[in-house]
Amino acid sequence: MSGLFERIAGQLVNNRSKLPRWARKMMELPARKPDGFVGRLAALLLGSGSAPVTSVPDSEIRVYIAPTNYAGQGYLWARALERADQRIGAQNMAVRLPGGFAFAADTSVPIAAVNASQTWAEAEWEAARRFTHVLVEAERSMFGQRFDRNVEREIEALERSGLSVAFLCHGTDIRNPAAHRARTPWSPYPEDPRTELLQGEAETNLQLLQRSRLAVFVSTPDLLLDVPWASWCPVVVDEQRFASSNPVLQSGSARVIHASSDPLQKGSDRIQPALSGLIDSKRIEFELVSGVASEAMPRVIGASDIVLDQFRLGSYGVAACEAMAAGRVVVGHVLPEVRHHIEVSTGWTLPIVEATPDTLGEVITELISDPARSREIAEEGRAYVSAIHSGERSAQVLIDEWIAAPNNV
């Protein structure tokens, strides 16, 4: 019966953008208030039985990464660390949400078990304390009821057990909506109905980072504006998985796609109006991609010419890197200070073509009018991902700034 309710919950999650605001807020309650009425009801319906416990590597250095695994990054950072140093064994634990994308993880634990199973919480804690290093994703609690879902108490217990702990911020967990609104007129705040909630969480999480004095990493370079003392640990993509031999702009009509995992944050609603003239004249074929399983994305991306990323946050993430790895032309809005940091810190010029909703139609027109230049940009993107987002740089940052840092050796 719990499997039936999990499938129903998954369908609701996948279609949450079509639901009224009160329904979306109700769906968030089990994660935000698991001991509340809705949280306890969800645990009852979804079940909280046996759940897998993370295996502890037999290695000199043992790194535990948990609990969000956004876009499969926890898993990919773990693999990058293992490739970088044979002394390192790494495992990631991911809390699995109904309807979530099926990203690879070493240990995938249903949220109902995380919220309600004392047996799982105790077993996962006992496993985690046998590691040497713990990387906490998005300032989220890792051990359910074991420490009353209090990440600060979890960290204190890990440190008392002799482990080295660091934070890795992902995005909305630390991005300050008020500060972001001042940086770009395209900011989704306060239009995002979660703005007040996100503002409070970002401020609370920043205070936690400041109190802890632990090493802090961010997955995207724009977050350095919110946590200036952090280090950028680039997101990782599997280049071979997304590699495509299809050249771009070979036919008469360009295929343009936009993958929308979060329409409001990405500015999805601004795209089609900006491209209406090109669509009507059939100079481009446009597709809004949503709800596609992660395993199907290489095929979807590889069949396109131009991939439109995001136009409101002023940065880029996994989706843009996957498209560049596939040799597609990527277009998006990236803040000048973010581009500057990338160039100064890496020596590379970010090969994402700049556009805002106001300029998007003109930018796409220029790209399809000069196929040779567009193909050059696509190859620059492929080289950039190989240099910055293959995992090698990410692992080295984690090792140099945390694992092998003087106070952690």
Protein backbone atom coordinates (compact mmCIF):
# COMPACT_ATOMS: atom_id res chain seq x y z
CA MET A 1 0.00 0.00 0.00
CA SER A 2 2.86 2.39 0.80
CA GLY A 3 4.16 1.86 -2.75
CA LEU A 4 0.83 3.06 -4.16
CA PHE A 5 0.91 6.21 -2.03
CA GLU A 6 4.54 6.84 -3.04
CA ARG A 7 3.56 6.67 -6.73
CA ILE A 8 0.66 9.07 -6.14
CA ALA A 9 2.95 11.41 -4.20
CA GLY A 10 5.45 11.22 -7.03
CA GLN A 11 2.84 12.22 -9.60
CA LEU A 12 1.82 15.17 -7.45
CA VAL A 13 5.45 16.29 -7.08
CA ASN A 14 6.06 16.02 -10.81
CA ASN A 15 3.02 18.22 -11.47
CA ARG A 16 3.40 20.59 -8.53
CA SER A 17 3.80 23.66 -10.79
CA LYS A 18 0.16 23.14 -11.90
CA LEU A 19 -1.20 22.96 -8.36
CA PRO A 20 -2.56 25.92 -6.37
CA ARG A 21 -0.21 27.65 -3.95
CA TRP A 22 -1.85 26.13 -0.84
CA ALA A 23 -1.37 22.61 -2.24
CA ARG A 24 2.32 23.24 -3.00
CA LYS A 25 2.86 24.54 0.55
CA MET A 26 1.07 21.46 1.94
CA MET A 27 3.41 19.19 -0.05
CA GLU A 28 6.48 20.87 1.47
CA LEU A 29 5.33 20.35 5.06
CA PRO A 30 6.54 16.72 5.49
CA ALA A 31 10.11 17.80 4.66
CA ARG A 32 10.02 21.05 6.63
CA LYS A 33 7.94 19.87 9.63
CA PRO A 34 8.13 16.05 9.72
CA ASP A 35 6.72 15.93 13.26
CA GLY A 36 3.68 18.03 12.32
CA PHE A 37 0.31 16.52 11.45
CA VAL A 38 0.97 16.40 7.68
CA GLY A 39 4.48 15.02 8.24
CA ARG A 40 3.22 12.23 10.51
CA LEU A 41 0.38 11.45 8.09
CA ALA A 42 2.87 11.22 5.19
CA ALA A 43 5.05 8.83 7.19
CA LEU A 44 2.00 6.68 7.93
CA LEU A 45 0.92 6.55 4.29
CA LEU A 46 4.37 6.19 2.71
CA GLY A 47 5.71 3.80 5.34
CA SER A 48 8.94 4.00 7.28
CA GLY A 49 10.15 0.44 7.29
CA SER A 50 13.64 -0.88 6.59
CA ALA A 51 16.00 1.40 4.70
CA PRO A 52 19.56 0.96 3.44
CA VAL A 53 22.49 2.08 5.58
CA THR A 54 25.67 3.54 4.09
CA SER A 55 28.63 1.17 3.70
CA VAL A 56 31.93 2.31 5.19
CA PRO A 57 34.91 2.11 2.79
CA ASP A 58 38.03 0.21 3.77
CA SER A 59 40.41 3.07 3.05
CA GLU A 60 42.76 5.42 4.85
CA ILE A 61 40.60 8.49 4.19
CA ARG A 62 36.83 7.97 4.27
CA VAL A 63 34.53 10.75 3.05
CA TYR A 64 30.79 10.77 3.72
CA ILE A 65 28.68 13.18 1.57
CA ALA A 66 25.03 13.77 2.50
CA PRO A 67 22.08 14.25 2.35
CA THR A 68 20.72 16.01 -0.78
CA ASN A 69 22.57 14.73 -3.87
CA TYR A 70 21.03 17.49 -6.00
CA ALA A 71 21.39 16.55 -9.69
CA GLY A 72 23.47 13.56 -8.57
CA GLN A 73 26.31 15.81 -7.45
CA GLY A 74 27.02 14.08 -4.15
CA TYR A 75 27.60 10.84 -6.01
CA LEU A 76 29.77 12.48 -8.66
CA TRP A 77 31.90 14.38 -6.12
CA ALA A 78 32.46 11.08 -4.30
CA ARG A 79 33.67 9.41 -7.50
CA ALA A 80 35.89 12.40 -8.32
CA LEU A 81 37.57 12.19 -4.91
CA GLU A 82 38.25 8.49 -5.37
CA ARG A 83 39.80 9.10 -8.79
CA ALA A 84 41.95 11.92 -7.42
CA ASP A 85 43.58 10.02 -4.54
CA GLN A 86 43.76 6.25 -4.10
CA ARG A 87 43.79 6.69 -0.33
CA ILE A 88 40.26 8.09 -0.44
CA GLY A 89 37.09 6.04 -0.28
CA ALA A 90 33.92 8.12 -0.56
CA GLN A 91 30.22 7.36 -0.19
CA ASN A 92 27.18 9.55 -0.62
CA MET A 93 23.83 9.22 1.11
CA ALA A 94 20.78 10.79 -0.51
CA VAL A 95 17.33 11.33 0.94
CA ARG A 96 14.90 10.14 -1.75
CA LEU A 97 11.75 12.18 -2.30
CA PRO A 98 8.61 10.82 -4.01
CA GLY A 99 8.69 11.81 -7.66
CA GLY A 100 12.33 12.84 -7.46
CA PHE A 101 14.62 12.39 -10.45
CA ALA A 102 16.41 9.03 -10.33
CA PHE A 103 19.98 10.24 -9.90
CA ALA A 104 22.68 7.73 -8.99
CA ALA A 105 23.54 7.50 -5.29
CA ASP A 106 25.59 5.13 -3.18
CA THR A 107 22.79 4.98 -0.59
CA SER A 108 19.27 6.17 -1.37
CA VAL A 109 16.96 6.43 1.64
CA PRO A 110 13.21 7.18 1.40
CA ILE A 111 12.28 10.38 3.20
CA ALA A 112 9.62 8.53 5.19
CA ALA A 113 12.34 6.38 6.78
CA VAL A 114 14.54 9.42 7.42
CA ASN A 115 11.66 11.21 9.14
CA ALA A 116 10.21 8.32 11.14
CA SER A 117 12.63 5.39 11.56
CA GLN A 118 14.68 5.50 14.75
CA THR A 119 16.30 2.20 13.77
CA TRP A 120 17.60 3.62 10.49
CA ALA A 121 18.75 6.87 12.13
CA GLU A 122 20.80 5.05 14.74
CA ALA A 123 22.35 2.68 12.19
CA GLU A 124 23.22 5.51 9.75
CA TRP A 125 24.81 7.53 12.56
CA GLU A 126 26.92 4.55 13.66
CA ALA A 127 28.08 4.08 10.06
CA ALA A 128 28.83 7.77 9.50
CA ARG A 129 30.96 8.12 12.62
CA ARG A 130 33.36 5.49 11.17
CA PHE A 131 34.29 7.88 8.35
CA THR A 132 37.08 10.43 8.70
CA HIS A 133 35.43 13.34 6.88
CA VAL A 134 31.82 14.48 6.42
CA LEU A 135 30.65 16.94 3.76
CA VAL A 136 27.25 18.36 4.72
CA GLU A 137 25.16 19.39 1.71
CA ALA A 138 22.81 22.39 1.86
CA GLU A 139 23.05 22.65 5.66
CA ARG A 140 20.52 19.82 5.96
CA SER A 141 20.17 17.29 8.76
CA MET A 142 21.58 13.85 7.95
CA PHE A 143 20.49 11.48 10.72
CA GLY A 144 16.75 11.94 11.12
CA GLN A 145 15.53 11.47 14.67
CA ARG A 146 18.95 10.61 16.11
CA PHE A 147 19.66 14.30 16.88
CA ASP A 148 16.10 15.63 16.51
CA ARG A 149 16.93 16.65 12.91
CA ASN A 150 19.28 19.33 14.21
CA VAL A 151 22.29 19.62 11.89
CA GLU A 152 24.29 21.69 14.37
CA ARG A 153 23.98 18.97 17.00
CA GLU A 154 24.95 16.40 14.38
CA ILE A 155 28.11 18.32 13.52
CA GLU A 156 29.07 18.74 17.17
CA ALA A 157 28.69 14.98 17.69
CA LEU A 158 30.73 14.20 14.57
CA GLU A 159 33.53 16.49 15.73
CA ARG A 160 33.50 14.93 19.21
CA SER A 161 33.98 11.60 17.45
CA GLY A 162 37.10 12.98 15.76
CA LEU A 163 35.71 13.59 12.27
CA SER A 164 36.47 16.61 10.11
CA VAL A 165 33.32 18.35 8.86
CA ALA A 166 32.77 20.83 6.02
CA PHE A 167 29.74 22.44 4.37
CA LEU A 168 28.75 22.52 0.71
CA CYS A 169 26.07 25.07 -0.25
CA HIS A 170 23.94 24.33 -3.30
CA GLY A 171 21.74 27.34 -4.04
CA THR A 172 18.48 28.40 -2.41
CA ASP A 173 19.81 27.14 0.92
CA ILE A 174 22.24 30.09 1.07
CA ARG A 175 21.23 32.56 -1.69
CA ASN A 176 19.92 35.73 -0.04
CA PRO A 177 16.78 36.86 -1.97
CA ALA A 178 17.04 40.51 -0.87
CA ALA A 179 20.69 40.76 -1.92
CA HIS A 180 19.98 38.91 -5.15
CA ARG A 181 17.17 41.30 -6.03
CA ALA A 182 19.67 44.16 -5.84
CA ARG A 183 22.10 42.41 -8.23
CA THR A 184 19.90 41.87 -11.26
CA PRO A 185 16.55 43.23 -12.45
CA TRP A 186 15.73 39.71 -13.60
CA SER A 187 15.80 38.28 -10.05
CA PRO A 188 12.85 35.96 -9.30
CA TYR A 189 12.45 37.58 -5.88
CA PRO A 190 10.00 38.58 -4.48
CA GLU A 191 7.88 37.07 -7.28
CA ASP A 192 8.75 33.60 -5.98
CA PRO A 193 6.05 32.78 -3.39
CA ARG A 194 8.74 31.15 -1.23
CA THR A 195 10.74 34.37 -0.95
CA GLU A 196 10.01 35.04 2.73
CA LEU A 197 10.74 31.42 3.63
CA LEU A 198 13.94 31.33 1.55
CA GLN A 199 15.10 34.63 3.07
CA GLY A 200 14.75 33.23 6.58
CA GLU A 201 16.47 29.95 5.69
CA ALA A 202 19.37 31.70 3.96
CA GLU A 203 19.94 33.99 6.93
CA THR A 204 19.74 31.08 9.39
CA ASN A 205 22.13 28.97 7.34
CA LEU A 206 24.60 31.83 6.95
CA GLN A 207 24.63 32.28 10.73
CA LEU A 208 25.32 28.55 11.10
CA LEU A 209 28.26 28.75 8.69
CA GLN A 210 29.65 31.78 10.55
CA ARG A 211 29.32 30.10 13.97
CA SER A 212 30.86 26.83 12.87
CA ARG A 213 34.06 28.29 11.39
CA LEU A 214 34.31 25.14 9.25
CA ALA A 215 35.44 24.94 5.64
CA VAL A 216 32.65 26.02 3.27
CA PHE A 217 32.27 25.20 -0.42
CA VAL A 218 29.70 26.36 -2.98
CA SER A 219 28.63 24.45 -6.08
CA THR A 220 28.10 27.48 -8.33
CA PRO A 221 30.29 30.59 -8.48
CA ASP A 222 27.45 33.09 -7.95
CA LEU A 223 27.07 31.82 -4.38
CA LEU A 224 30.44 33.34 -3.54
CA LEU A 225 28.53 36.64 -3.48
CA ASP A 226 26.56 35.26 -0.52
CA VAL A 227 29.45 33.40 1.17
CA PRO A 228 32.59 35.37 0.22
CA TRP A 229 34.98 33.21 2.26
CA ALA A 230 33.83 29.96 0.63
CA SER A 231 35.65 28.00 -2.07
CA TRP A 232 34.05 27.10 -5.39
CA CYS A 233 33.73 23.34 -5.86
CA PRO A 234 32.42 23.07 -9.44
CA VAL A 235 29.53 20.79 -10.29
CA VAL A 236 30.54 17.63 -12.14
CA VAL A 237 29.14 16.10 -15.32
CA ASP A 238 29.85 12.77 -16.95
CA GLU A 239 31.33 13.97 -20.24
CA GLN A 240 31.13 10.57 -21.93
CA ARG A 241 27.47 10.15 -21.04
CA PHE A 242 26.55 13.43 -22.74
CA ALA A 243 29.05 13.31 -25.61
CA SER A 244 27.39 13.80 -29.01
CA SER A 245 28.83 13.74 -32.49
CA ASN A 246 25.88 15.62 -33.99
CA PRO A 247 27.16 18.98 -35.29
CA VAL A 248 25.02 22.00 -34.50
CA LEU A 249 23.08 24.08 -37.02
CA GLN A 250 23.44 21.73 -39.95
CA SER A 251 19.84 21.95 -41.16
CA GLY A 252 17.69 24.85 -42.26
CA SER A 253 15.71 25.19 -39.04
CA ALA A 254 17.54 25.37 -35.71
CA ARG A 255 16.27 23.19 -32.87
CA VAL A 256 16.16 25.20 -29.62
CA ILE A 257 15.24 23.62 -26.29
CA HIS A 258 14.81 24.76 -22.71
CA ALA A 259 14.77 22.22 -19.87
CA SER A 260 12.60 23.62 -17.11
CA SER A 261 13.10 22.02 -13.69
CA ASP A 262 12.03 25.20 -11.91
CA PRO A 263 10.16 27.55 -14.31
CA LEU A 264 10.08 30.56 -12.00
CA GLN A 265 13.75 30.43 -11.03
CA LYS A 266 14.83 29.80 -14.64
CA GLY A 267 12.55 32.38 -16.23
CA SER A 268 10.88 29.81 -18.45
CA ASP A 269 7.82 31.97 -18.98
CA ARG A 270 9.94 34.73 -20.55
CA ILE A 271 11.41 32.53 -23.29
CA GLN A 272 8.63 31.72 -25.74
CA PRO A 273 7.38 35.34 -26.02
CA ALA A 274 10.96 36.44 -26.76
CA LEU A 275 11.24 33.85 -29.54
CA SER A 276 7.75 34.13 -30.99
CA GLY A 277 8.90 35.82 -34.19
CA LEU A 278 11.53 33.18 -34.89
CA ILE A 279 9.08 30.39 -34.08
CA ASP A 280 6.32 31.83 -36.28
CA SER A 281 8.72 32.29 -39.21
CA LYS A 282 9.91 28.68 -38.70
CA ARG A 283 13.54 29.77 -38.40
CA ILE A 284 13.66 27.77 -35.19
CA GLU A 285 11.85 24.79 -33.69
CA PHE A 286 11.35 25.41 -29.98
CA GLU A 287 10.59 22.81 -27.30
CA LEU A 288 10.03 23.29 -23.58
CA VAL A 289 11.35 20.12 -21.94
CA SER A 290 9.93 19.12 -18.56
CA GLY A 291 9.42 15.94 -16.56
CA VAL A 292 12.00 14.00 -18.59
CA ALA A 293 13.85 11.25 -16.71
CA SER A 294 17.55 11.93 -16.18
CA GLU A 295 18.57 8.89 -18.23
CA ALA A 296 16.81 10.34 -21.29
CA MET A 297 18.45 13.77 -21.14
CA PRO A 298 21.60 12.93 -23.17
CA ARG A 299 19.40 11.98 -26.12
CA VAL A 300 17.19 15.06 -25.74
CA ILE A 301 20.13 17.44 -25.49
CA GLY A 302 22.10 15.75 -28.27
CA ALA A 303 19.18 16.24 -30.69
CA SER A 304 19.21 20.02 -30.19
CA ASP A 305 21.30 22.84 -31.62
CA ILE A 306 20.89 25.50 -28.94
CA VAL A 307 20.08 24.98 -25.26
CA LEU A 308 18.56 27.85 -23.31
CA ASP A 309 19.65 27.73 -19.68
CA GLN A 310 18.41 30.22 -17.07
CA PHE A 311 17.60 33.91 -17.29
CA ARG A 312 16.88 35.08 -13.75
CA LEU A 313 19.51 33.78 -11.31
CA GLY A 314 22.54 35.13 -13.16
CA SER A 315 24.58 31.93 -12.99
CA TYR A 316 24.74 28.42 -14.46
CA GLY A 317 24.71 24.89 -13.13
CA VAL A 318 24.50 21.24 -14.06
CA ALA A 319 22.05 21.61 -16.96
CA ALA A 320 24.27 24.11 -18.77
CA CYS A 321 27.34 21.92 -18.23
CA GLU A 322 25.56 18.87 -19.62
CA ALA A 323 24.61 20.83 -22.73
CA MET A 324 28.16 22.12 -23.19
CA ALA A 325 29.50 18.57 -22.73
CA ALA A 326 27.21 17.54 -25.60
CA GLY A 327 28.70 20.23 -27.81
CA ARG A 328 25.55 22.34 -27.89
CA VAL A 329 25.46 26.16 -27.93
CA VAL A 330 24.31 27.32 -24.48
CA VAL A 331 22.58 30.66 -23.95
CA GLY A 332 21.76 32.22 -20.58
CA HIS A 333 22.04 35.21 -18.26
CA VAL A 334 25.23 35.17 -16.16
CA LEU A 335 26.12 38.13 -13.97
CA PRO A 336 29.26 40.08 -15.01
CA GLU A 337 30.86 39.52 -11.58
CA VAL A 338 30.33 35.77 -11.94
CA ARG A 339 31.95 35.73 -15.38
CA HIS A 340 34.82 37.81 -13.98
CA HIS A 341 35.43 35.41 -11.10
CA ILE A 342 35.52 32.43 -13.46
CA GLU A 343 38.06 34.12 -15.72
CA VAL A 344 40.29 35.25 -12.83
CA SER A 345 40.19 31.94 -10.94
CA THR A 346 40.41 29.53 -13.90
CA GLY A 347 41.87 31.47 -16.83
CA TRP A 348 38.84 30.46 -18.91
CA THR A 349 36.21 32.70 -20.45
CA LEU A 350 32.79 31.22 -19.75
CA PRO A 351 31.47 30.07 -23.17
CA ILE A 352 27.80 30.62 -22.33
CA VAL A 353 26.35 33.18 -24.73
CA GLU A 354 24.92 36.08 -22.73
CA ALA A 355 21.24 36.96 -23.13
CA THR A 356 18.38 38.33 -21.06
CA PRO A 357 14.68 38.02 -21.86
CA ASP A 358 14.96 41.44 -23.54
CA THR A 359 17.83 40.40 -25.83
CA LEU A 360 17.13 36.68 -26.33
CA GLY A 361 15.43 36.99 -29.72
CA GLU A 362 18.28 39.09 -31.12
CA VAL A 363 20.95 36.76 -29.70
CA ILE A 364 19.34 33.64 -31.19
CA THR A 365 18.97 35.39 -34.54
CA GLU A 366 22.70 36.16 -34.55
CA LEU A 367 23.61 32.59 -33.63
CA ILE A 368 21.55 30.94 -36.36
CA SER A 369 22.78 33.52 -38.89
CA ASP A 370 26.40 32.53 -38.28
CA PRO A 371 26.54 28.70 -37.99
CA ALA A 372 30.33 28.59 -38.20
CA ARG A 373 30.76 30.89 -35.21
CA SER A 374 28.08 28.98 -33.31
CA ARG A 375 29.95 25.73 -33.88
CA GLU A 376 33.11 27.36 -32.52
CA ILE A 377 31.22 28.40 -29.38
CA ALA A 378 29.90 24.85 -29.01
CA GLU A 379 33.42 23.42 -29.13
CA GLU A 380 34.64 26.03 -26.64
CA GLY A 381 31.91 24.86 -24.31
CA ARG A 382 32.96 21.23 -24.66
CA ALA A 383 36.58 22.15 -23.81
CA TYR A 384 35.48 24.31 -20.87
CA VAL A 385 33.49 21.50 -19.28
CA SER A 386 36.39 19.11 -19.73
CA ALA A 387 38.73 21.53 -17.95
CA ILE A 388 36.44 22.77 -15.16
CA HIS A 389 33.57 20.32 -14.68
CA SER A 390 35.06 16.86 -15.23
CA GLY A 391 35.54 16.31 -11.48
CA GLU A 392 39.30 16.76 -11.38
CA ARG A 393 39.14 20.41 -10.34
CA SER A 394 36.32 19.75 -7.85
CA ALA A 395 38.23 16.98 -6.11
CA GLN A 396 41.40 19.04 -5.94
CA VAL A 397 39.54 21.94 -4.33
CA LEU A 398 38.06 19.64 -1.67
CA ILE A 399 41.43 18.05 -1.00
CA ASP A 400 43.48 21.25 -0.92
CA GLU A 401 41.00 23.38 1.04
CA TRP A 402 39.73 20.75 3.44
CA ILE A 403 40.88 17.12 3.41
CA ALA A 404 44.62 17.84 3.19
CA ALA A 405 44.52 21.31 4.78
CA PRO A 406 47.00 21.70 7.68
CA ASN A 407 44.32 21.59 10.36
CA ASN A 408 42.81 18.41 8.88
CA VAL A 409 45.93 16.33 8.27
